């Protein structure tokens, strides 16, 4: 990259950071507002001071007094209650302490104005003090409302509603908050990630990866998925590589979401000349976090050992013919319908290339394994943030 391009990139990064700070501030205030309202109504209902009709009456009152106010209907108020009750429980406190989620406060406050401007309390408490609650003398319940953990403002409130309603365990909920923040998932994208069980795919400890991939890219464990749900392609049970390829080409945005947003699309059937012969790579991407090219080769059949030799050849050719000097070695992903783990292990054992085998089918991982993986994922997120 030329010197002037680096300076241009600094300006672009500054603009991006400024946008993130503004968005972070807005989300920070919104989430803490919904937390406080959910807490207040929850406590009123629990104390029997409010009856079953009180929430409906509250919504009617707000609509009458503030006709232009949006987002405070009955369903939304109950979502706020559920939000507060989900993350104010002892189980979440224990999980938060075990995973040291308060350390993610920095991820939040890095996106908003200086903490001194917001009068933030000790970061270890993971609290947000954006709100000025009503005078406690008027109503003692306001005194009892705990501050909202800053960790929760990593994603917007609609994402929280999706996560709470679609995830069974707190471990899953915490993962999707972290993953949603890192990938900057929009609401529909969050739904999709939960439906296709991204939690299991990212957190899998049994990825079919070569030793070279693990050695050269330790972070790949949490950045590359080992399975993809391609139901949006509408493929028949028996299909060809051409059908698979064509379907992905026509649904590239959805396919990239399956892979992860760090993948930048460079081309399909990407031509590369080796000697006097032209060859075509199925799908070529650039991975921003790994800073390398990624070749995805599509196979509409179960894994065969000979796929590794062909991928070795492609990776070597890409590194010699396409890769720039400041980029890391190219990674290869063989995407197939299924893979016998023993076959893959033997096939990858001697390769010196960074590659992995992934499947486009759904697999489940035992819950106890996922809990341990979540701890390691949190550590990865903290280390990654420290490098930025």
Protein backbone atom coordinates (compact mmCIF):
# COMPACT_ATOMS: atom_id res chain seq x y z
CA UNK A 1 0.00 0.00 0.00
CA UNK A 2 1.37 3.41 -0.99
CA UNK A 3 2.03 6.06 1.68
CA UNK A 4 -0.84 8.27 0.51
CA UNK A 5 -3.22 5.27 0.51
CA UNK A 6 -2.28 4.59 4.12
CA UNK A 7 -3.16 8.19 4.96
CA UNK A 8 -6.46 7.82 3.12
CA UNK A 9 -7.12 4.66 5.12
CA UNK A 10 -6.52 6.58 8.36
CA UNK A 11 -9.21 9.08 7.38
CA UNK A 12 -11.60 6.28 6.45
CA UNK A 13 -10.91 4.54 9.77
CA UNK A 14 -11.52 7.82 11.63
CA UNK A 15 -14.89 8.24 9.92
CA UNK A 16 -15.81 4.63 10.72
CA UNK A 17 -14.78 5.06 14.35
CA UNK A 18 -16.81 8.27 14.67
CA UNK A 19 -19.89 6.50 13.32
CA UNK A 20 -19.36 3.63 15.73
CA UNK A 21 -19.04 6.03 18.67
CA UNK A 22 -22.28 7.78 17.77
CA UNK A 23 -24.14 4.49 17.25
CA UNK A 24 -22.64 3.10 20.44
CA UNK A 25 -23.83 6.06 22.47
CA UNK A 26 -27.39 5.80 21.13
CA UNK A 27 -27.55 2.06 21.78
CA UNK A 28 -25.98 2.49 25.21
CA UNK A 29 -28.72 4.91 26.25
CA UNK A 30 -31.55 2.88 24.68
CA UNK A 31 -30.63 -0.45 26.28
CA UNK A 32 -30.28 1.10 29.74
CA UNK A 33 -33.67 2.79 29.30
CA UNK A 34 -35.42 -0.48 28.43
CA UNK A 35 -33.65 -2.21 31.32
CA UNK A 36 -34.88 0.39 33.85
CA UNK A 37 -38.46 0.33 32.54
CA UNK A 38 -38.49 -3.46 32.52
CA UNK A 39 -37.14 -3.50 36.08
CA UNK A 40 -39.69 -1.00 37.36
CA UNK A 41 -42.70 -2.78 35.83
CA UNK A 42 -41.38 -6.21 36.88
CA UNK A 43 -41.03 -5.08 40.49
CA UNK A 44 -44.46 -3.47 40.49
CA UNK A 45 -46.08 -6.66 39.19
CA UNK A 46 -44.12 -8.86 41.60
CA UNK A 47 -45.16 -6.72 44.59
CA UNK A 48 -48.84 -6.99 43.54
CA UNK A 49 -49.05 -3.18 43.47
CA UNK A 50 -50.03 -3.53 39.83
CA UNK A 51 -52.69 -5.90 38.56
CA UNK A 52 -52.93 -7.85 35.31
CA UNK A 53 -54.40 -4.85 33.48
CA UNK A 54 -51.76 -2.39 34.60
CA UNK A 55 -49.38 -2.89 31.66
CA UNK A 56 -52.22 -2.35 29.20
CA UNK A 57 -53.23 0.79 31.11
CA UNK A 58 -49.63 2.02 31.09
CA UNK A 59 -49.44 1.63 27.31
CA UNK A 60 -52.76 3.47 26.84
CA UNK A 61 -51.54 6.25 29.14
CA UNK A 62 -48.28 6.68 27.23
CA UNK A 63 -50.13 6.67 23.91
CA UNK A 64 -52.51 9.38 25.17
CA UNK A 65 -49.84 11.59 26.72
CA UNK A 66 -47.20 10.98 24.02
CA UNK A 67 -49.03 10.23 20.72
CA UNK A 68 -45.80 10.26 18.70
CA UNK A 69 -44.03 7.85 21.04
CA UNK A 70 -43.19 4.53 19.37
CA UNK A 71 -41.93 1.22 20.74
CA UNK A 72 -43.83 1.17 24.04
CA UNK A 73 -46.81 -1.07 23.26
CA UNK A 74 -47.75 -4.06 25.42
CA UNK A 75 -45.52 -6.48 23.56
CA UNK A 76 -42.55 -4.14 23.82
CA UNK A 77 -43.11 -3.53 27.54
CA UNK A 78 -43.23 -7.27 28.19
CA UNK A 79 -40.02 -7.64 26.16
CA UNK A 80 -38.41 -5.09 28.49
CA UNK A 81 -39.59 -7.07 31.50
CA UNK A 82 -38.21 -10.28 30.04
CA UNK A 83 -34.92 -8.52 29.21
CA UNK A 84 -34.52 -7.34 32.79
CA UNK A 85 -35.55 -10.63 34.37
CA UNK A 86 -33.27 -12.68 32.09
CA UNK A 87 -30.11 -10.80 33.01
CA UNK A 88 -30.83 -9.75 36.60
CA UNK A 89 -30.85 -13.33 37.89
CA UNK A 90 -28.16 -14.91 40.05
CA UNK A 91 -27.27 -17.38 37.30
CA UNK A 92 -26.27 -14.54 35.00
CA UNK A 93 -24.30 -12.84 37.78
CA UNK A 94 -22.35 -16.06 38.34
CA UNK A 95 -21.79 -16.58 34.62
CA UNK A 96 -20.73 -12.95 34.24
CA UNK A 97 -18.19 -13.30 37.02
CA UNK A 98 -16.87 -16.62 35.69
CA UNK A 99 -16.40 -15.23 32.17
CA UNK A 100 -15.37 -11.79 33.46
CA UNK A 101 -17.92 -10.14 31.22
CA UNK A 102 -17.34 -6.84 32.98
CA UNK A 103 -14.09 -6.65 31.03
CA UNK A 104 -16.15 -6.18 27.89
CA UNK A 105 -17.21 -2.79 29.24
CA UNK A 106 -14.22 -1.46 27.34
CA UNK A 107 -15.76 -2.72 24.10
CA UNK A 108 -18.79 -0.57 24.85
CA UNK A 109 -17.17 2.56 26.26
CA UNK A 110 -14.68 2.60 23.38
CA UNK A 111 -17.61 3.41 21.12
CA UNK A 112 -19.05 6.30 23.11
CA UNK A 113 -17.80 9.67 24.43
CA UNK A 114 -15.30 9.76 27.27
CA UNK A 115 -16.48 7.96 30.39
CA UNK A 116 -16.02 11.14 32.38
CA UNK A 117 -18.74 12.78 30.30
CA UNK A 118 -21.16 10.01 31.25
CA UNK A 119 -20.07 9.70 34.89
CA UNK A 120 -19.57 5.96 34.47
CA UNK A 121 -18.96 4.04 37.71
CA UNK A 122 -16.14 1.56 38.22
CA UNK A 123 -15.85 -0.43 34.99
CA UNK A 124 -15.59 -3.71 36.88
CA UNK A 125 -19.20 -3.29 37.93
CA UNK A 126 -20.14 -3.35 34.27
CA UNK A 127 -22.70 -0.65 34.92
CA UNK A 128 -24.23 2.10 32.81
CA UNK A 129 -25.12 5.43 34.35
CA UNK A 130 -26.60 7.18 31.34
CA UNK A 131 -30.02 7.43 32.94
CA UNK A 132 -31.16 9.97 35.48
CA UNK A 133 -33.84 8.02 37.32
CA UNK A 134 -36.85 9.81 38.86
CA UNK A 135 -36.49 11.21 42.34
CA UNK A 136 -36.19 8.20 44.65
CA UNK A 137 -38.16 10.06 47.34
CA UNK A 138 -41.22 9.86 45.11
CA UNK A 139 -41.03 6.09 44.71
CA UNK A 140 -38.68 3.78 46.59
CA UNK A 141 -38.73 1.16 43.77
CA UNK A 142 -36.38 3.33 41.70
CA UNK A 143 -33.83 2.89 44.48
CA UNK A 144 -33.96 -0.88 44.03
CA UNK A 145 -33.33 -0.91 40.30
CA UNK A 146 -29.82 -2.29 39.64
CA UNK A 147 -27.73 -0.67 36.97
CA UNK A 148 -27.75 -2.41 33.61
CA UNK A 149 -24.54 -4.34 32.84
CA UNK A 150 -22.68 -2.43 30.12
CA UNK A 151 -21.96 -5.77 28.46
CA UNK A 152 -25.60 -5.90 27.35
CA UNK A 153 -25.25 -2.79 25.21
CA UNK A 154 -22.93 -4.62 22.80
CA UNK A 155 -26.02 -5.29 20.66
CA UNK A 156 -29.26 -3.42 20.12
CA UNK A 157 -32.47 -4.17 21.99
CA UNK A 158 -34.18 -5.89 19.06
CA UNK A 159 -31.25 -8.29 18.84
CA UNK A 160 -31.70 -8.95 22.56
CA UNK A 161 -35.36 -9.81 22.04
CA UNK A 162 -34.40 -12.24 19.26
CA UNK A 163 -31.68 -13.83 21.40
CA UNK A 164 -33.85 -14.17 24.50
CA UNK A 165 -36.76 -15.72 22.62
CA UNK A 166 -34.71 -18.11 20.47
CA UNK A 167 -31.89 -19.30 22.75
CA UNK A 168 -32.35 -21.87 25.50
CA UNK A 169 -29.38 -21.26 27.76
CA UNK A 170 -27.58 -18.22 29.13
CA UNK A 171 -24.36 -19.54 27.59
CA UNK A 172 -25.94 -19.32 24.15
CA UNK A 173 -27.33 -15.86 24.86
CA UNK A 174 -23.91 -14.57 25.91
CA UNK A 175 -22.29 -16.07 22.82
CA UNK A 176 -24.74 -14.39 20.44
CA UNK A 177 -24.28 -11.04 22.17
CA UNK A 178 -20.52 -11.35 21.64
CA UNK A 179 -20.84 -12.71 18.12
CA UNK A 180 -23.45 -10.13 17.15
CA UNK A 181 -21.19 -7.33 18.37
CA UNK A 182 -18.14 -8.64 16.55
CA UNK A 183 -19.97 -9.30 13.29
CA UNK A 184 -22.21 -6.21 13.62
CA UNK A 185 -25.25 -8.35 12.90
CA UNK A 186 -28.47 -6.73 11.80
CA UNK A 187 -31.69 -8.11 13.25
CA UNK A 188 -32.49 -10.50 10.39
CA UNK A 189 -28.88 -11.64 10.32
CA UNK A 190 -29.03 -12.43 14.03
CA UNK A 191 -32.14 -14.55 13.46
CA UNK A 192 -30.41 -16.41 10.68
CA UNK A 193 -27.30 -17.10 12.76
CA UNK A 194 -29.39 -18.56 15.58
CA UNK A 195 -31.49 -20.66 13.22
CA UNK A 196 -28.40 -22.20 11.60
CA UNK A 197 -26.79 -22.80 15.01
CA UNK A 198 -23.74 -20.60 14.54
CA UNK A 199 -23.06 -21.18 18.24
CA UNK A 200 -22.31 -24.84 17.61
CA UNK A 201 -20.38 -24.18 14.42
CA UNK A 202 -18.04 -21.51 15.80
CA UNK A 203 -17.52 -23.19 19.16
CA UNK A 204 -16.81 -26.66 17.80
CA UNK A 205 -13.56 -28.04 19.22
CA UNK A 206 -13.35 -30.76 16.57
CA UNK A 207 -12.81 -28.75 13.42
CA UNK A 208 -11.22 -30.73 10.62
CA UNK A 209 -8.20 -28.48 10.15
CA UNK A 210 -4.63 -29.10 9.08
CA UNK A 211 -1.75 -28.65 11.51
CA UNK A 212 -0.47 -25.80 9.36
CA UNK A 213 -3.76 -23.92 9.71
CA UNK A 214 -3.75 -24.32 13.49
CA UNK A 215 -0.10 -23.27 13.73
CA UNK A 216 -0.18 -20.28 11.37
CA UNK A 217 -3.65 -19.05 12.36
CA UNK A 218 -4.46 -19.85 16.01
CA UNK A 219 -7.43 -17.46 15.85
CA UNK A 220 -8.94 -19.46 12.99
CA UNK A 221 -10.57 -21.72 15.57
CA UNK A 222 -13.02 -18.92 16.35
CA UNK A 223 -13.05 -17.21 12.97
CA UNK A 224 -13.81 -20.10 10.61
CA UNK A 225 -16.91 -22.26 10.77
CA UNK A 226 -16.86 -25.98 10.07
CA UNK A 227 -20.44 -26.19 8.81
CA UNK A 228 -22.92 -24.11 6.89
CA UNK A 229 -26.68 -24.28 6.50
CA UNK A 230 -27.44 -23.72 2.83
CA UNK A 231 -31.19 -24.20 2.91
CA UNK A 232 -31.66 -20.84 1.15
CA UNK A 233 -30.29 -22.45 -2.03
CA UNK A 234 -33.27 -24.78 -2.37
CA UNK A 235 -31.03 -27.63 -3.50
CA UNK A 236 -32.58 -31.06 -4.14
CA UNK A 237 -31.31 -33.98 -2.08
CA UNK A 238 -29.18 -35.08 -5.01
CA UNK A 239 -27.49 -32.13 -6.69
CA UNK A 240 -24.44 -31.33 -8.77
CA UNK A 241 -21.51 -29.03 -8.08
CA UNK A 242 -22.85 -26.79 -10.84
CA UNK A 243 -26.17 -26.42 -9.00
CA UNK A 244 -24.35 -25.75 -5.75
CA UNK A 245 -22.06 -23.21 -7.38
CA UNK A 246 -24.87 -21.44 -9.23
CA UNK A 247 -27.00 -21.26 -6.10
CA UNK A 248 -24.18 -19.71 -4.06
CA UNK A 249 -23.40 -17.21 -6.82
CA UNK A 250 -27.03 -16.07 -6.85
CA UNK A 251 -27.18 -15.87 -3.04
CA UNK A 252 -23.68 -14.56 -2.30
CA UNK A 253 -24.73 -12.19 0.51
CA UNK A 254 -26.43 -14.99 2.41
CA UNK A 255 -23.52 -17.33 1.79
CA UNK A 256 -21.04 -14.79 3.16
CA UNK A 257 -23.18 -14.44 6.29
CA UNK A 258 -22.87 -18.20 6.69
CA UNK A 259 -19.09 -17.90 6.48
CA UNK A 260 -18.81 -14.73 8.58
CA UNK A 261 -18.68 -11.03 7.77
CA UNK A 262 -14.88 -10.91 7.73
CA UNK A 263 -15.00 -12.59 4.32
CA UNK A 264 -14.74 -10.22 1.37
CA UNK A 265 -15.87 -11.69 -1.95
CA UNK A 266 -13.31 -11.49 -4.76
CA UNK A 267 -14.83 -13.71 -7.42
CA UNK A 268 -16.17 -17.11 -8.44
CA UNK A 269 -14.56 -19.33 -11.06
CA UNK A 270 -11.58 -17.06 -10.48
CA UNK A 271 -9.03 -17.61 -13.23
CA UNK A 272 -5.41 -18.31 -12.36
CA UNK A 273 -2.71 -19.16 -14.87
CA UNK A 274 -0.12 -21.76 -13.93
CA UNK A 275 2.47 -22.28 -16.62
CA UNK A 276 0.60 -22.32 -19.88
CA UNK A 277 -2.67 -23.58 -18.45
CA UNK A 278 -5.60 -21.59 -17.02
CA UNK A 279 -7.39 -22.96 -13.99
CA UNK A 280 -10.50 -21.81 -12.18
CA UNK A 281 -10.94 -21.46 -8.43
CA UNK A 282 -14.51 -22.07 -7.28
CA UNK A 283 -14.77 -19.13 -4.84
CA UNK A 284 -12.05 -16.69 -3.81
CA UNK A 285 -12.35 -14.46 -0.75
CA UNK A 286 -10.18 -12.20 1.36
CA UNK A 287 -10.41 -12.56 5.15
CA UNK A 288 -9.90 -9.25 6.93
CA UNK A 289 -9.02 -10.60 10.38
CA UNK A 290 -6.61 -13.27 9.11
CA UNK A 291 -5.31 -10.92 6.41
CA UNK A 292 -5.15 -13.62 3.80
CA UNK A 293 -6.87 -14.94 0.70
CA UNK A 294 -9.27 -17.86 1.20
CA UNK A 295 -10.04 -20.37 -1.53
CA UNK A 296 -13.32 -22.25 -1.06
CA UNK A 297 -13.61 -25.35 -3.23
CA UNK A 298 -17.12 -26.80 -3.55
CA UNK A 299 -17.86 -30.53 -3.56
CA UNK A 300 -21.40 -31.85 -3.89
CA UNK A 301 -20.23 -35.23 -2.60
CA UNK A 302 -18.70 -36.55 0.64
CA UNK A 303 -15.03 -35.82 1.29
CA UNK A 304 -12.42 -37.80 -0.62
CA UNK A 305 -8.68 -37.76 0.29
CA UNK A 306 -7.67 -36.68 -3.22
CA UNK A 307 -9.41 -33.32 -2.62
CA UNK A 308 -6.48 -32.35 -0.37
CA UNK A 309 -3.86 -32.79 -3.11
CA UNK A 310 -5.78 -30.57 -5.48
CA UNK A 311 -6.26 -27.92 -2.79
CA UNK A 312 -2.51 -28.05 -2.00
CA UNK A 313 -1.83 -27.28 -5.65
CA UNK A 314 -4.30 -24.37 -5.71
CA UNK A 315 -2.95 -22.81 -2.52
CA UNK A 316 0.60 -22.97 -3.78
CA UNK A 317 -0.43 -21.40 -7.08
CA UNK A 318 -2.38 -18.62 -5.37
CA UNK A 319 0.51 -17.77 -3.07
CA UNK A 320 2.88 -17.53 -6.05
CA UNK A 321 0.59 -15.83 -8.55
CA UNK A 322 -1.98 -13.74 -6.64
CA UNK A 323 -0.97 -13.18 -3.01
CA UNK A 324 0.66 -9.87 -2.20
CA UNK A 325 3.86 -9.64 -0.15
CA UNK A 326 2.11 -8.08 2.86
CA UNK A 327 -0.58 -10.79 2.98
CA UNK A 328 -0.45 -14.02 4.95
CA UNK A 329 -0.42 -17.49 3.31
CA UNK A 330 -3.66 -18.44 1.61
CA UNK A 331 -6.16 -20.64 3.47
CA UNK A 332 -8.15 -23.36 1.76
CA UNK A 333 -11.63 -24.58 2.72
CA UNK A 334 -13.03 -27.74 1.15
CA UNK A 335 -16.82 -27.50 1.49
CA UNK A 336 -18.52 -30.87 1.01
CA UNK A 337 -21.70 -32.70 1.93
CA UNK A 338 -20.12 -34.90 4.62
CA UNK A 339 -16.75 -36.00 5.92
CA UNK A 340 -15.51 -39.16 7.61
CA UNK A 341 -13.32 -37.75 10.34
CA UNK A 342 -10.69 -40.49 10.10
CA UNK A 343 -10.31 -39.98 6.34
CA UNK A 344 -9.92 -36.23 6.80
CA UNK A 345 -7.40 -36.58 9.63
CA UNK A 346 -5.19 -38.90 7.60
CA UNK A 347 -5.50 -36.77 4.47
CA UNK A 348 -4.58 -33.55 6.30
CA UNK A 349 -1.87 -35.07 8.48
CA UNK A 350 1.03 -34.57 6.05
CA UNK A 351 -0.08 -31.45 4.21
CA UNK A 352 1.98 -28.31 4.86
CA UNK A 353 -0.85 -26.04 3.68
CA UNK A 354 -3.30 -24.21 5.96
CA UNK A 355 -6.65 -25.77 5.09
CA UNK A 356 -9.78 -27.22 6.62
CA UNK A 357 -12.73 -29.35 5.61
CA UNK A 358 -16.24 -28.02 6.26
CA UNK A 359 -19.66 -29.55 5.73
CA UNK A 360 -22.89 -27.99 4.62
CA UNK A 361 -25.07 -29.87 7.03
CA UNK A 362 -26.17 -29.33 10.65
CA UNK A 363 -24.35 -31.04 13.54
CA UNK A 364 -24.97 -30.70 17.24
CA UNK A 365 -22.35 -30.39 19.97
CA UNK A 366 -22.84 -31.50 23.61
CA UNK A 367 -23.85 -28.63 25.87
CA UNK A 368 -21.04 -29.22 28.40
CA UNK A 369 -18.47 -28.84 25.61
CA UNK A 370 -20.08 -25.58 24.55
CA UNK A 371 -19.83 -24.15 28.07
CA UNK A 372 -16.08 -24.71 28.12
CA UNK A 373 -15.74 -23.33 24.61
CA UNK A 374 -17.59 -20.17 25.62
CA UNK A 375 -14.96 -19.41 28.24
CA UNK A 376 -12.24 -19.76 25.62
CA UNK A 377 -14.23 -17.63 23.15
CA UNK A 378 -14.47 -14.84 25.73
CA UNK A 379 -10.71 -14.95 26.21
CA UNK A 380 -10.24 -14.79 22.43
CA UNK A 381 -12.53 -11.74 22.21
CA UNK A 382 -10.58 -9.95 24.93
CA UNK A 383 -7.25 -10.71 23.28
CA UNK A 384 -8.56 -9.65 19.88
CA UNK A 385 -9.87 -6.34 21.26
CA UNK A 386 -6.49 -5.69 22.88
CA UNK A 387 -4.82 -5.85 19.47
CA UNK A 388 -7.03 -3.13 17.95
